[in-house]
Amino acid sequence: MSDPAKRSRHLSGMRDERYGEVVLISPDGNGGLKGAVYNTYGLNDCPLDKWNALDAGALAAQFGVPAVILNGPRFWTIDEVTTYNWGDVEKFDGLQARWAADVRIPPEVDVSAGAGKKHYVTTTVDRDTEYVLKAGRPVYALEDSDGRTFVLQAYSHTVDPGQTMDSLASLGERLRLPDGWRFRTHTPDEDMHVRTADKKATVVQDELENTYMLHAR
């Protein structure tokens, strides 16, 4: 998986770049589930012919895990990332992806439920990253009932292939937010840095599978 001896990696020019994630699901040893997240970004642009040809069941059998989640295609809404902890590259039916994180699957999330699975549930991701959203560019965020801000890191085509960067301006009108939550957009005057805390990220997804990361300040 990860190799702490490797130097950090910095990537830029990411906004609206396409990628995909292959998540290998396995028991966590405590009666729950975890996922090893492999990300195509920096290796390829998640070519649609290769992505659409992936078979989750066949991959699960190949890698000897109970299940595989194909999370994508996705598109970044951040501009830069520095990754301090990253891992090896695997091939998934010829599609290269690099280990990027381990995710803890909350017990209330049914990974087999497809469109019926729950959203707006916080999930802990074991990774060490710093995102940068550049000044003068729109930032999309959710604010929960406790006043915490989750910044949109990527939008997805998993549920709605018609989503675009331009359509995000009206995303709040489409979401069925929990009581006390709100969607907001703002354009920062300075670069915005969103860093993991203690090598962990807290994320949520909306019902369109768009992903937001907690901005812990």
Protein backbone atom coordinates (compact mmCIF):
# COMPACT_ATOMS: atom_id res chain seq x y z
CA MET A 1 0.00 0.00 0.00
CA SER A 2 1.62 3.23 1.17
CA ASP A 3 5.34 3.87 1.55
CA PRO A 4 6.23 6.59 4.08
CA ALA A 5 9.79 6.74 2.74
CA LYS A 6 8.62 8.23 -0.53
CA ARG A 7 8.82 11.97 -1.01
CA SER A 8 5.70 14.10 -1.26
CA ARG A 9 4.09 14.59 -4.67
CA HIS A 10 2.61 17.87 -5.91
CA LEU A 11 0.09 18.07 -8.73
CA SER A 12 -1.48 21.20 -10.21
CA GLY A 13 -3.88 22.18 -13.00
CA MET A 14 -6.41 19.70 -11.66
CA ARG A 15 -9.72 21.56 -11.82
CA ASP A 16 -12.21 19.69 -14.03
CA GLU A 17 -9.71 16.92 -14.81
CA ARG A 18 -11.28 13.45 -15.04
CA TYR A 19 -10.25 10.46 -12.94
CA GLY A 20 -11.67 7.25 -11.53
CA GLU A 21 -11.28 5.27 -8.31
CA VAL A 22 -11.25 1.51 -7.83
CA VAL A 23 -12.01 0.64 -4.20
CA LEU A 24 -11.13 -2.83 -2.91
CA ILE A 25 -13.48 -3.66 0.00
CA SER A 26 -12.36 -6.01 2.75
CA PRO A 27 -13.04 -6.74 6.45
CA ASP A 28 -11.31 -4.34 8.85
CA GLY A 29 -10.75 -6.93 11.56
CA ASN A 30 -13.23 -5.29 13.93
CA GLY A 31 -16.44 -6.53 12.38
CA GLY A 32 -16.65 -3.69 9.87
CA LEU A 33 -15.41 -2.93 6.39
CA LYS A 34 -12.61 -0.87 4.92
CA GLY A 35 -11.70 0.11 1.38
CA ALA A 36 -8.31 0.47 -0.30
CA VAL A 37 -8.72 3.37 -2.74
CA TYR A 38 -6.79 3.30 -6.02
CA ASN A 39 -6.89 6.53 -8.06
CA THR A 40 -6.10 6.89 -11.76
CA TYR A 41 -5.14 10.58 -11.57
CA GLY A 42 -1.57 11.31 -12.59
CA LEU A 43 -1.41 8.05 -14.52
CA ASN A 44 -4.21 8.49 -17.08
CA ASP A 45 -7.42 10.45 -17.59
CA CYS A 46 -9.66 7.45 -16.86
CA PRO A 47 -10.41 6.62 -20.53
CA LEU A 48 -14.10 5.89 -20.78
CA ASP A 49 -13.71 2.76 -22.89
CA LYS A 50 -11.43 1.16 -20.29
CA TRP A 51 -13.50 2.44 -17.37
CA ASN A 52 -16.81 1.21 -18.79
CA ALA A 53 -15.28 -2.19 -19.49
CA LEU A 54 -14.39 -2.78 -15.82
CA ASP A 55 -16.36 -5.55 -14.10
CA ALA A 56 -16.54 -5.09 -10.32
CA GLY A 57 -17.36 -8.75 -9.68
CA ALA A 58 -14.51 -10.01 -11.81
CA LEU A 59 -12.07 -7.62 -10.12
CA ALA A 60 -13.22 -8.76 -6.67
CA ALA A 61 -12.48 -12.36 -7.64
CA GLN A 62 -9.13 -11.41 -9.15
CA PHE A 63 -7.96 -9.50 -6.04
CA GLY A 64 -9.53 -11.90 -3.56
CA VAL A 65 -11.79 -9.39 -1.83
CA PRO A 66 -15.52 -9.55 -1.01
CA ALA A 67 -16.44 -6.55 -3.17
CA VAL A 68 -15.11 -3.82 -5.44
CA ILE A 69 -16.63 -0.36 -5.85
CA LEU A 70 -16.07 1.52 -9.10
CA ASN A 71 -16.22 5.18 -8.12
CA GLY A 72 -16.32 7.36 -11.21
CA PRO A 73 -15.78 8.89 -13.55
CA ARG A 74 -15.10 11.89 -11.31
CA PHE A 75 -13.86 15.42 -11.91
CA TRP A 76 -11.73 17.50 -9.57
CA THR A 77 -13.05 20.81 -8.24
CA ILE A 78 -9.72 21.63 -6.55
CA ASP A 79 -6.72 23.17 -8.28
CA GLU A 80 -3.69 21.60 -6.61
CA VAL A 81 -2.78 18.80 -4.23
CA THR A 82 0.28 17.84 -2.25
CA THR A 83 0.24 14.17 -1.26
CA TYR A 84 2.48 13.15 1.61
CA ASN A 85 1.57 9.47 1.69
CA TRP A 86 1.06 7.46 -1.46
CA GLY A 87 1.50 3.93 -2.67
CA ASP A 88 2.08 1.51 -5.50
CA VAL A 89 0.38 1.21 -8.86
CA GLU A 90 -1.97 -1.67 -9.70
CA LYS A 91 -3.49 -2.60 -13.03
CA PHE A 92 -7.22 -3.20 -13.19
CA ASP A 93 -7.88 -4.91 -16.54
CA GLY A 94 -5.16 -2.71 -18.01
CA LEU A 95 -6.26 0.51 -16.31
CA GLN A 96 -3.51 1.83 -14.06
CA ALA A 97 -4.38 3.32 -10.67
CA ARG A 98 -2.27 4.19 -7.65
CA TRP A 99 -3.08 3.53 -3.98
CA ALA A 100 -4.19 6.86 -2.53
CA ALA A 101 -6.06 6.15 0.71
CA ASP A 102 -7.82 3.72 2.99
CA VAL A 103 -11.44 4.49 3.80
CA ARG A 104 -13.42 3.23 6.77
CA ILE A 105 -16.91 2.20 5.74
CA PRO A 106 -19.48 3.43 8.31
CA PRO A 107 -21.79 0.62 9.48
CA GLU A 108 -24.86 2.56 8.30
CA VAL A 109 -23.57 2.60 4.71
CA ASP A 110 -24.49 -0.48 2.67
CA VAL A 111 -21.84 -0.81 -0.05
CA SER A 112 -24.12 -3.14 -2.03
CA ALA A 113 -27.14 -0.84 -1.97
CA GLY A 114 -26.31 1.17 -5.08
CA ALA A 115 -28.74 4.06 -5.45
CA GLY A 116 -30.33 3.14 -2.13
CA LYS A 117 -27.27 3.76 0.00
CA LYS A 118 -27.24 6.60 2.52
CA HIS A 119 -25.67 9.98 1.90
CA TYR A 120 -24.62 12.93 4.05
CA VAL A 121 -22.92 10.40 6.35
CA THR A 122 -19.40 11.32 7.48
CA THR A 123 -16.67 8.87 6.57
CA THR A 124 -13.05 8.82 7.73
CA VAL A 125 -10.39 8.45 5.05
CA ASP A 126 -6.82 7.61 6.01
CA ARG A 127 -4.70 9.83 3.79
CA ASP A 128 -2.28 12.73 4.16
CA THR A 129 -2.99 15.53 1.69
CA GLU A 130 -3.32 19.27 1.31
CA TYR A 131 -5.73 20.63 -1.29
CA VAL A 132 -5.47 24.14 -2.71
CA LEU A 133 -8.40 26.02 -4.23
CA LYS A 134 -7.07 29.07 -6.05
CA ALA A 135 -8.16 32.63 -5.35
CA GLY A 136 -10.72 34.02 -7.78
CA ARG A 137 -12.25 30.63 -8.57
CA PRO A 138 -15.58 29.43 -7.16
CA VAL A 139 -15.64 27.14 -4.14
CA TYR A 140 -18.69 24.94 -3.53
CA ALA A 141 -19.42 23.73 -0.02
CA LEU A 142 -21.89 22.12 2.33
CA GLU A 143 -22.44 23.42 5.84
CA ASP A 144 -23.88 20.91 8.29
CA SER A 145 -26.20 21.51 11.22
CA ASP A 146 -23.21 21.94 13.54
CA GLY A 147 -21.74 24.70 11.38
CA ARG A 148 -18.94 22.58 9.94
CA THR A 149 -17.90 23.31 6.35
CA PHE A 150 -17.28 20.54 3.81
CA VAL A 151 -15.60 21.75 0.63
CA LEU A 152 -16.46 20.05 -2.67
CA GLN A 153 -13.37 18.17 -3.88
CA ALA A 154 -14.90 16.39 -6.87
CA TYR A 155 -18.15 16.01 -8.78
CA SER A 156 -19.25 12.68 -10.16
CA HIS A 157 -20.82 11.13 -13.24
CA THR A 158 -21.84 7.99 -11.34
CA VAL A 159 -25.44 9.12 -10.87
CA ASP A 160 -25.74 12.03 -13.30
CA PRO A 161 -23.42 11.89 -16.33
CA GLY A 162 -24.69 15.34 -17.32
CA GLN A 163 -23.01 17.16 -14.45
CA THR A 164 -20.44 19.77 -15.54
CA MET A 165 -18.33 22.38 -13.84
CA ASP A 166 -20.78 25.04 -15.02
CA SER A 167 -23.79 23.17 -13.60
CA LEU A 168 -22.34 23.26 -10.08
CA ALA A 169 -23.53 26.84 -9.63
CA SER A 170 -27.11 25.53 -9.34
CA LEU A 171 -26.23 22.27 -7.55
CA GLY A 172 -27.81 23.48 -4.31
CA GLU A 173 -31.23 23.59 -5.99
CA ARG A 174 -31.03 19.85 -6.74
CA LEU A 175 -29.91 18.50 -3.39
CA ARG A 176 -32.26 17.14 -0.72
CA LEU A 177 -30.22 18.33 2.21
CA PRO A 178 -30.76 17.08 5.77
CA ASP A 179 -32.43 19.50 8.18
CA GLY A 180 -30.05 22.26 9.19
CA TRP A 181 -27.68 21.75 6.25
CA ARG A 182 -27.10 24.27 3.47
CA PHE A 183 -25.21 24.51 0.20
CA ARG A 184 -23.22 27.62 -0.54
CA THR A 185 -20.85 29.05 -3.13
CA HIS A 186 -18.20 31.69 -2.65
CA THR A 187 -15.12 32.99 -4.45
CA PRO A 188 -12.13 33.40 -2.12
CA ASP A 189 -9.81 36.41 -2.37
CA GLU A 190 -6.86 34.26 -1.29
CA ASP A 191 -5.83 30.69 -2.01
CA MET A 192 -7.77 28.28 0.19
CA HIS A 193 -5.84 25.39 1.79
CA VAL A 194 -7.77 22.32 2.96
CA ARG A 195 -5.50 19.99 4.93
CA THR A 196 -6.10 16.60 6.48
CA ALA A 197 -5.89 16.47 10.29
CA ASP A 198 -3.67 13.79 11.85
CA LYS A 199 -3.45 12.11 8.43
CA LYS A 200 -7.22 11.68 8.28
CA ALA A 201 -9.88 13.32 6.14
CA THR A 202 -13.55 13.51 7.04
CA VAL A 203 -15.72 13.38 3.92
CA VAL A 204 -19.38 13.24 2.95
CA GLN A 205 -21.18 12.54 -0.31
CA ASP A 206 -24.43 13.99 -1.56
CA GLU A 207 -27.02 11.94 -3.43
CA LEU A 208 -25.27 12.62 -6.76
CA GLU A 209 -22.08 11.01 -5.33
CA ASN A 210 -20.25 14.34 -5.29
CA THR A 211 -17.62 14.31 -2.53
CA TYR A 212 -16.86 17.00 0.05
CA MET A 213 -14.00 17.20 2.55
CA LEU A 214 -14.23 18.77 5.99
CA HIS A 215 -12.37 22.09 6.14
CA ALA A 216 -10.98 21.86 9.67
CA ARG A 217 -9.73 25.27 10.80
